[in-house]
């Protein structure tokens, strides 16, 4: 979303000076940052959970209750998204 706004702002330079556009751009950057932070926290929690489920002696308890390792966050087209 941010890259689209950047492309639009390059085509229409008068938008850059518009305070509402700058505010929207700042809000989108903040949203993207919050999403990145939440994604990283999720990944860390899943890794921690998977380590606990696989480590002795908690792996015995995990097997008794049917707890298995969970897949971590992945994106099919991560390279395309990052550009």
PDB file of N, CA and C in Angstrom:
ATOM      1  N   UNK A   1       0.823  -1.183   0.000  1.00  0.00           N
ATOM      2  CA  UNK A   1       0.000   0.000   0.000  1.00  0.00           C
ATOM      3  C   UNK A   1       0.872   1.253   0.000  1.00  0.00           C
ATOM      4  N   UNK A   2       1.933   1.212   0.785  1.00  0.00           N
ATOM      5  CA  UNK A   2       2.810   2.369   0.876  1.00  0.00           C
ATOM      6  C   UNK A   2       3.528   2.614  -0.446  1.00  0.00           C
ATOM      7  N   UNK A   3       3.928   1.534  -1.133  1.00  0.00           N
ATOM      8  CA  UNK A   3       4.623   1.717  -2.402  1.00  0.00           C
ATOM      9  C   UNK A   3       3.694   2.331  -3.446  1.00  0.00           C
ATOM     10  N   UNK A   4       2.407   1.991  -3.389  1.00  0.00           N
ATOM     11  CA  UNK A   4       1.442   2.592  -4.319  1.00  0.00           C
ATOM     12  C   UNK A   4       1.298   4.088  -4.054  1.00  0.00           C
ATOM     13  N   UNK A   5       1.254   4.436  -2.757  1.00  0.00           N
ATOM     14  CA  UNK A   5       1.161   5.857  -2.417  1.00  0.00           C
ATOM     15  C   UNK A   5       2.399   6.608  -2.875  1.00  0.00           C
ATOM     16  N   UNK A   6       3.549   5.970  -2.739  1.00  0.00           N
ATOM     17  CA  UNK A   6       4.791   6.616  -3.171  1.00  0.00           C
ATOM     18  C   UNK A   6       4.769   6.843  -4.683  1.00  0.00           C
ATOM     19  N   UNK A   7       4.263   5.854  -5.429  1.00  0.00           N
ATOM     20  CA  UNK A   7       4.184   5.991  -6.876  1.00  0.00           C
ATOM     21  C   UNK A   7       3.241   7.125  -7.260  1.00  0.00           C
ATOM     22  N   UNK A   8       2.112   7.214  -6.564  1.00  0.00           N
ATOM     23  CA  UNK A   8       1.150   8.285  -6.838  1.00  0.00           C
ATOM     24  C   UNK A   8       1.767   9.635  -6.499  1.00  0.00           C
ATOM     25  N   UNK A   9       2.493   9.689  -5.373  1.00  0.00           N
ATOM     26  CA  UNK A   9       3.070  10.972  -4.967  1.00  0.00           C
ATOM     27  C   UNK A   9       4.164  11.428  -5.923  1.00  0.00           C
ATOM     28  N   UNK A  10       4.851  10.500  -6.553  1.00  0.00           N
ATOM     29  CA  UNK A  10       5.861  10.878  -7.536  1.00  0.00           C
ATOM     30  C   UNK A  10       5.215  11.438  -8.803  1.00  0.00           C
ATOM     31  N   UNK A  11       4.054  10.910  -9.151  1.00  0.00           N
ATOM     32  CA  UNK A  11       3.360  11.393 -10.347  1.00  0.00           C
ATOM     33  C   UNK A  11       2.686  12.746 -10.107  1.00  0.00           C
ATOM     34  N   UNK A  12       2.277  12.977  -8.874  1.00  0.00           N
ATOM     35  CA  UNK A  12       1.572  14.200  -8.540  1.00  0.00           C
ATOM     36  C   UNK A  12       2.296  14.908  -7.393  1.00  0.00           C
ATOM     37  N   UNK A  13       3.327  15.693  -7.697  1.00  0.00           N
ATOM     38  CA  UNK A  13       4.138  16.311  -6.644  1.00  0.00           C
ATOM     39  C   UNK A  13       3.348  17.224  -5.712  1.00  0.00           C
ATOM     40  N   UNK A  14       2.248  17.789  -6.180  1.00  0.00           N
ATOM     41  CA  UNK A  14       1.483  18.688  -5.317  1.00  0.00           C
ATOM     42  C   UNK A  14       0.863  17.938  -4.134  1.00  0.00           C
ATOM     43  N   UNK A  15       0.716  16.612  -4.265  1.00  0.00           N
ATOM     44  CA  UNK A  15       0.194  15.827  -3.148  1.00  0.00           C
ATOM     45  C   UNK A  15       1.171  15.774  -1.980  1.00  0.00           C
ATOM     46  N   UNK A  16       2.450  15.866  -2.274  1.00  0.00           N
ATOM     47  CA  UNK A  16       3.453  15.783  -1.219  1.00  0.00           C
ATOM     48  C   UNK A  16       3.278  16.913  -0.200  1.00  0.00           C
ATOM     49  N   UNK A  17       2.833  18.058  -0.669  1.00  0.00           N
ATOM     50  CA  UNK A  17       2.681  19.191   0.238  1.00  0.00           C
ATOM     51  C   UNK A  17       1.348  19.164   0.982  1.00  0.00           C
ATOM     52  N   UNK A  18       0.445  18.314   0.563  1.00  0.00           N
ATOM     53  CA  UNK A  18      -0.851  18.229   1.198  1.00  0.00           C
ATOM     54  C   UNK A  18      -0.715  17.557   2.564  1.00  0.00           C
ATOM     55  N   UNK A  19      -1.148  18.242   3.599  1.00  0.00           N
ATOM     56  CA  UNK A  19      -1.005  17.740   4.968  1.00  0.00           C
ATOM     57  C   UNK A  19      -1.778  16.445   5.185  1.00  0.00           C
ATOM     58  N   UNK A  20      -2.952  16.318   4.575  1.00  0.00           N
ATOM     59  CA  UNK A  20      -3.738  15.099   4.743  1.00  0.00           C
ATOM     60  C   UNK A  20      -3.027  13.900   4.134  1.00  0.00           C
ATOM     61  N   UNK A  21      -2.413  14.109   2.973  1.00  0.00           N
ATOM     62  CA  UNK A  21      -1.668  13.027   2.340  1.00  0.00           C
ATOM     63  C   UNK A  21      -0.484  12.615   3.199  1.00  0.00           C
ATOM     64  N   UNK A  22       0.220  13.579   3.750  1.00  0.00           N
ATOM     65  CA  UNK A  22       1.368  13.268   4.608  1.00  0.00           C
ATOM     66  C   UNK A  22       0.908  12.542   5.860  1.00  0.00           C
ATOM     67  N   UNK A  23      -0.229  12.930   6.404  1.00  0.00           N
ATOM     68  CA  UNK A  23      -0.768  12.259   7.583  1.00  0.00           C
ATOM     69  C   UNK A  23      -1.132  10.811   7.256  1.00  0.00           C
ATOM     70  N   UNK A  24      -1.780  10.608   6.117  1.00  0.00           N
ATOM     71  CA  UNK A  24      -2.142   9.260   5.690  1.00  0.00           C
ATOM     72  C   UNK A  24      -0.890   8.413   5.499  1.00  0.00           C
ATOM     73  N   UNK A  25       0.110   8.980   4.882  1.00  0.00           N
ATOM     74  CA  UNK A  25       1.359   8.270   4.647  1.00  0.00           C
ATOM     75  C   UNK A  25       2.009   7.878   5.984  1.00  0.00           C
ATOM     76  N   UNK A  26       2.007   8.766   6.950  1.00  0.00           N
ATOM     77  CA  UNK A  26       2.580   8.472   8.268  1.00  0.00           C
ATOM     78  C   UNK A  26       1.771   7.375   8.973  1.00  0.00           C
ATOM     79  N   UNK A  27       0.446   7.417   8.831  1.00  0.00           N
ATOM     80  CA  UNK A  27      -0.393   6.397   9.448  1.00  0.00           C
ATOM     81  C   UNK A  27      -0.131   5.023   8.839  1.00  0.00           C
ATOM     82  N   UNK A  28       0.032   4.988   7.517  1.00  0.00           N
ATOM     83  CA  UNK A  28       0.322   3.709   6.857  1.00  0.00           C
ATOM     84  C   UNK A  28       1.682   3.162   7.274  1.00  0.00           C
ATOM     85  N   UNK A  29       2.662   4.036   7.398  1.00  0.00           N
ATOM     86  CA  UNK A  29       3.979   3.589   7.859  1.00  0.00           C
ATOM     87  C   UNK A  29       3.882   3.027   9.268  1.00  0.00           C
ATOM     88  N   UNK A  30       3.133   3.692  10.129  1.00  0.00           N
ATOM     89  CA  UNK A  30       2.936   3.211  11.490  1.00  0.00           C
ATOM     90  C   UNK A  30       2.229   1.864  11.522  1.00  0.00           C
ATOM     91  N   UNK A  31       1.224   1.707  10.667  1.00  0.00           N
ATOM     92  CA  UNK A  31       0.500   0.439  10.592  1.00  0.00           C
ATOM     93  C   UNK A  31       1.411  -0.672  10.121  1.00  0.00           C
ATOM     94  N   UNK A  32       2.212  -0.399   9.098  1.00  0.00           N
ATOM     95  CA  UNK A  32       3.145  -1.411   8.602  1.00  0.00           C
ATOM     96  C   UNK A  32       4.152  -1.790   9.683  1.00  0.00           C
ATOM     97  N   UNK A  33       4.608  -0.826  10.457  1.00  0.00           N
ATOM     98  CA  UNK A  33       5.546  -1.122  11.546  1.00  0.00           C
ATOM     99  C   UNK A  33       4.892  -1.982  12.617  1.00  0.00           C
ATOM    100  N   UNK A  34       3.643  -1.663  12.978  1.00  0.00           N
ATOM    101  CA  UNK A  34       2.939  -2.461  13.988  1.00  0.00           C
ATOM    102  C   UNK A  34       2.717  -3.887  13.503  1.00  0.00           C
ATOM    103  N   UNK A  35       2.412  -4.050  12.222  1.00  0.00           N
ATOM    104  CA  UNK A  35       2.236  -5.391  11.660  1.00  0.00           C
ATOM    105  C   UNK A  35       3.551  -6.160  11.721  1.00  0.00           C
ATOM    106  N   UNK A  36       4.653  -5.505  11.381  1.00  0.00           N
ATOM    107  CA  UNK A  36       5.968  -6.160  11.420  1.00  0.00           C
ATOM    108  C   UNK A  36       6.324  -6.581  12.840  1.00  0.00           C
ATOM    109  N   UNK A  37       6.045  -5.716  13.814  1.00  0.00           N
ATOM    110  CA  UNK A  37       6.336  -6.050  15.216  1.00  0.00           C
ATOM    111  C   UNK A  37       5.478  -7.231  15.661  1.00  0.00           C
ATOM    112  N   UNK A  38       4.199  -7.208  15.334  1.00  0.00           N
ATOM    113  CA  UNK A  38       3.299  -8.299  15.724  1.00  0.00           C
ATOM    114  C   UNK A  38       3.717  -9.610  15.061  1.00  0.00           C
ATOM    115  N   UNK A  39       4.117  -9.555  13.794  1.00  0.00           N
ATOM    116  CA  UNK A  39       4.566 -10.753  13.084  1.00  0.00           C
ATOM    117  C   UNK A  39       5.813 -11.328  13.754  1.00  0.00           C
ATOM    118  N   UNK A  40       6.761 -10.463  14.107  1.00  0.00           N
ATOM    119  CA  UNK A  40       7.981 -10.936  14.762  1.00  0.00           C
ATOM    120  C   UNK A  40       7.685 -11.552  16.129  1.00  0.00           C
ATOM    121  N   UNK A  41       6.772 -10.946  16.874  1.00  0.00           N
ATOM    122  CA  UNK A  41       6.391 -11.510  18.174  1.00  0.00           C
ATOM    123  C   UNK A  41       5.738 -12.873  18.006  1.00  0.00           C
ATOM    124  N   UNK A  42       4.878 -12.998  17.001  1.00  0.00           N
ATOM    125  CA  UNK A  42       4.217 -14.274  16.728  1.00  0.00           C
ATOM    126  C   UNK A  42       5.244 -15.343  16.387  1.00  0.00           C
ATOM    127  N   UNK A  43       6.178 -15.009  15.522  1.00  0.00           N
ATOM    128  CA  UNK A  43       7.218 -15.954  15.122  1.00  0.00           C
ATOM    129  C   UNK A  43       8.032 -16.399  16.341  1.00  0.00           C
ATOM    130  N   UNK A  44       8.391 -15.454  17.203  1.00  0.00           N
ATOM    131  CA  UNK A  44       9.153 -15.803  18.405  1.00  0.00           C
ATOM    132  C   UNK A  44       8.351 -16.702  19.341  1.00  0.00           C
ATOM    133  N   UNK A  45       7.064 -16.427  19.492  1.00  0.00           N
ATOM    134  CA  UNK A  45       6.225 -17.254  20.370  1.00  0.00           C
ATOM    135  C   UNK A  45       6.080 -18.671  19.825  1.00  0.00           C
ATOM    136  N   UNK A  46       5.903 -18.800  18.515  1.00  0.00           N
ATOM    137  CA  UNK A  46       5.787 -20.129  17.917  1.00  0.00           C
ATOM    138  C   UNK A  46       7.099 -20.891  18.088  1.00  0.00           C
ATOM    139  N   UNK A  47       8.223 -20.216  17.891  1.00  0.00           N
ATOM    140  CA  UNK A  47       9.518 -20.870  18.087  1.00  0.00           C
ATOM    141  C   UNK A  47       9.687 -21.321  19.531  1.00  0.00           C
ATOM    142  N   UNK A  48       9.289 -20.478  20.467  1.00  0.00           N
ATOM    143  CA  UNK A  48       9.384 -20.828  21.886  1.00  0.00           C
ATOM    144  C   UNK A  48       8.489 -22.026  22.214  1.00  0.00           C
ATOM    145  N   UNK A  49       7.264 -22.006  21.690  1.00  0.00           N
ATOM    146  CA  UNK A  49       6.338 -23.117  21.898  1.00  0.00           C
ATOM    147  C   UNK A  49       6.909 -24.410  21.328  1.00  0.00           C
ATOM    148  N   UNK A  50       7.402 -24.353  20.098  1.00  0.00           N
ATOM    149  CA  UNK A  50       7.953 -25.543  19.448  1.00  0.00           C
ATOM    150  C   UNK A  50       9.154 -26.085  20.217  1.00  0.00           C
ATOM    151  N   UNK A  51       9.987 -25.200  20.740  1.00  0.00           N
ATOM    152  CA  UNK A  51      11.133 -25.639  21.542  1.00  0.00           C
ATOM    153  C   UNK A  51      10.652 -26.350  22.800  1.00  0.00           C
ATOM    154  N   UNK A  52       9.647 -25.784  23.456  1.00  0.00           N
ATOM    155  CA  UNK A  52       9.107 -26.390  24.676  1.00  0.00           C
ATOM    156  C   UNK A  52       8.507 -27.758  24.392  1.00  0.00           C
ATOM    157  N   UNK A  53       7.765 -27.875  23.299  1.00  0.00           N
ATOM    158  CA  UNK A  53       7.109 -29.132  22.954  1.00  0.00           C
ATOM    159  C   UNK A  53       8.136 -30.212  22.607  1.00  0.00           C
ATOM    160  N   UNK A  54       9.287 -29.827  22.106  1.00  0.00           N
ATOM    161  CA  UNK A  54      10.291 -30.799  21.666  1.00  0.00           C
ATOM    162  C   UNK A  54      11.326 -31.129  22.743  1.00  0.00           C
ATOM    163  N   UNK A  55      11.446 -30.306  23.768  1.00  0.00           N
ATOM    164  CA  UNK A  55      12.484 -30.491  24.781  1.00  0.00           C
ATOM    165  C   UNK A  55      12.058 -31.470  25.864  1.00  0.00           C
ATOM    166  N   UNK A  56      13.032 -32.221  26.337  1.00  0.00           N
ATOM    167  CA  UNK A  56      12.801 -33.115  27.461  1.00  0.00           C
ATOM    168  C   UNK A  56      12.819 -32.312  28.747  1.00  0.00           C
ATOM    169  N   UNK A  57      12.002 -32.481  29.670  1.00  0.00           N
ATOM    170  CA  UNK A  57      10.960 -33.483  29.872  1.00  0.00           C
ATOM    171  C   UNK A  57       9.576 -33.009  29.425  1.00  0.00           C
ATOM    172  N   UNK A  58       9.474 -31.754  28.977  1.00  0.00           N
ATOM    173  CA  UNK A  58       8.143 -31.249  28.594  1.00  0.00           C
ATOM    174  C   UNK A  58       7.592 -31.955  27.362  1.00  0.00           C
ATOM    175  N   UNK A  59       8.463 -32.581  26.556  1.00  0.00           N
ATOM    176  CA  UNK A  59       7.964 -33.292  25.378  1.00  0.00           C
ATOM    177  C   UNK A  59       7.105 -34.490  25.783  1.00  0.00           C
ATOM    178  N   UNK A  60       7.371 -35.076  26.934  1.00  0.00           N
ATOM    179  CA  UNK A  60       6.553 -36.196  27.407  1.00  0.00           C
ATOM    180  C   UNK A  60       5.145 -35.710  27.730  1.00  0.00           C
ATOM    181  N   UNK A  61       5.054 -34.617  28.457  1.00  0.00           N
ATOM    182  CA  UNK A  61       3.750 -34.039  28.787  1.00  0.00           C
ATOM    183  C   UNK A  61       3.021 -33.608  27.519  1.00  0.00           C
ATOM    184  N   UNK A  62       3.750 -33.028  26.592  1.00  0.00           N
ATOM    185  CA  UNK A  62       3.142 -32.582  25.334  1.00  0.00           C
ATOM    186  C   UNK A  62       2.551 -33.759  24.568  1.00  0.00           C
ATOM    187  N   UNK A  63       3.268 -34.884  24.557  1.00  0.00           N
ATOM    188  CA  UNK A  63       2.740 -36.067  23.860  1.00  0.00           C
ATOM    189  C   UNK A  63       1.487 -36.606  24.540  1.00  0.00           C
ATOM    190  N   UNK A  64       1.474 -36.587  25.868  1.00  0.00           N
ATOM    191  CA  UNK A  64       0.312 -37.076  26.610  1.00  0.00           C
ATOM    192  C   UNK A  64      -0.928 -36.263  26.257  1.00  0.00           C
ATOM    193  N   UNK A  65      -0.762 -34.940  26.122  1.00  0.00           N
ATOM    194  CA  UNK A  65      -1.899 -34.073  25.816  1.00  0.00           C
ATOM    195  C   UNK A  65      -2.090 -33.821  24.315  1.00  0.00           C
ATOM    196  N   UNK A  66      -1.302 -34.484  23.493  1.00  0.00           N
ATOM    197  CA  UNK A  66      -1.460 -34.374  22.043  1.00  0.00           C
ATOM    198  C   UNK A  66      -0.996 -33.056  21.461  1.00  0.00           C
ATOM    199  N   UNK A  67      -0.035 -32.410  22.110  1.00  0.00           N
ATOM    200  CA  UNK A  67       0.490 -31.137  21.608  1.00  0.00           C
ATOM    201  C   UNK A  67       1.638 -31.403  20.639  1.00  0.00           C
ATOM    202  N   UNK A  68       1.523 -30.851  19.455  1.00  0.00           N
ATOM    203  CA  UNK A  68       2.557 -31.008  18.439  1.00  0.00           C
ATOM    204  C   UNK A  68       3.158 -29.661  18.107  1.00  0.00           C
ATOM    205  N   UNK A  69       4.306 -29.688  17.457  1.00  0.00           N
ATOM    206  CA  UNK A  69       4.937 -28.451  16.983  1.00  0.00           C
ATOM    207  C   UNK A  69       4.040 -27.802  15.946  1.00  0.00           C
ATOM    208  N   UNK A  70       4.021 -26.487  15.945  1.00  0.00           N
ATOM    209  CA  UNK A  70       3.178 -25.720  15.022  1.00  0.00           C
ATOM    210  C   UNK A  70       4.029 -25.118  13.911  1.00  0.00           C
ATOM    211  N   UNK A  71       3.462 -24.994  12.718  1.00  0.00           N
ATOM    212  CA  UNK A  71       4.218 -24.329  11.643  1.00  0.00           C
ATOM    213  C   UNK A  71       4.327 -22.837  11.919  1.00  0.00           C
ATOM    214  N   UNK A  72       5.422 -22.262  11.511  1.00  0.00           N
ATOM    215  CA  UNK A  72       5.622 -20.841  11.739  1.00  0.00           C
ATOM    216  C   UNK A  72       5.045 -20.028  10.598  1.00  0.00           C
ATOM    217  N   UNK A  73       5.036 -18.721  10.752  1.00  0.00           N
ATOM    218  CA  UNK A  73       4.479 -17.798   9.759  1.00  0.00           C
ATOM    219  C   UNK A  73       5.300 -17.834   8.482  1.00  0.00           C
ATOM    220  N   UNK A  74       4.650 -18.078   7.360  1.00  0.00           N
ATOM    221  CA  UNK A  74       5.325 -18.040   6.064  1.00  0.00           C
ATOM    222  C   UNK A  74       4.427 -17.340   5.056  1.00  0.00           C
ATOM    223  N   UNK A  75       5.055 -16.787   4.054  1.00  0.00           N
ATOM    224  CA  UNK A  75       4.341 -16.133   2.963  1.00  0.00           C
ATOM    225  C   UNK A  75       4.828 -16.761   1.666  1.00  0.00           C
ATOM    226  N   UNK A  76       3.903 -17.117   0.803  1.00  0.00           N
ATOM    227  CA  UNK A  76       4.263 -17.814  -0.431  1.00  0.00           C
ATOM    228  C   UNK A  76       5.149 -16.959  -1.336  1.00  0.00           C
ATOM    229  N   UNK A  77       4.826 -15.699  -1.476  1.00  0.00           N
ATOM    230  CA  UNK A  77       5.580 -14.829  -2.386  1.00  0.00           C
ATOM    231  C   UNK A  77       6.273 -13.712  -1.613  1.00  0.00           C
ATOM    232  N   UNK A  78       7.085 -14.085  -0.647  1.00  0.00           N
ATOM    233  CA  UNK A  78       7.726 -13.108   0.241  1.00  0.00           C
ATOM    234  C   UNK A  78       8.609 -12.125  -0.526  1.00  0.00           C
ATOM    235  N   UNK A  79       9.329 -12.600  -1.544  1.00  0.00           N
ATOM    236  CA  UNK A  79      10.201 -11.701  -2.315  1.00  0.00           C
ATOM    237  C   UNK A  79       9.387 -10.641  -3.041  1.00  0.00           C
ATOM    238  N   UNK A  80       8.278 -11.036  -3.621  1.00  0.00           N
ATOM    239  CA  UNK A  80       7.438 -10.076  -4.348  1.00  0.00           C
ATOM    240  C   UNK A  80       6.837  -9.051  -3.395  1.00  0.00           C
ATOM    241  N   UNK A  81       6.462  -9.497  -2.204  1.00  0.00           N
ATOM    242  CA  UNK A  81       5.849  -8.602  -1.235  1.00  0.00           C
ATOM    243  C   UNK A  81       6.877  -7.601  -0.703  1.00  0.00           C
ATOM    244  N   UNK A  82       8.099  -8.065  -0.457  1.00  0.00           N
ATOM    245  CA  UNK A  82       9.107  -7.194   0.128  1.00  0.00           C
ATOM    246  C   UNK A  82       9.552  -6.081  -0.829  1.00  0.00           C
ATOM    247  N   UNK A  83       9.403  -6.297  -2.123  1.00  0.00           N
ATOM    248  CA  UNK A  83       9.754  -5.240  -3.066  1.00  0.00           C
ATOM    249  C   UNK A  83       8.597  -4.301  -3.239  1.00  0.00           C
TER     250      UNK A  83
END
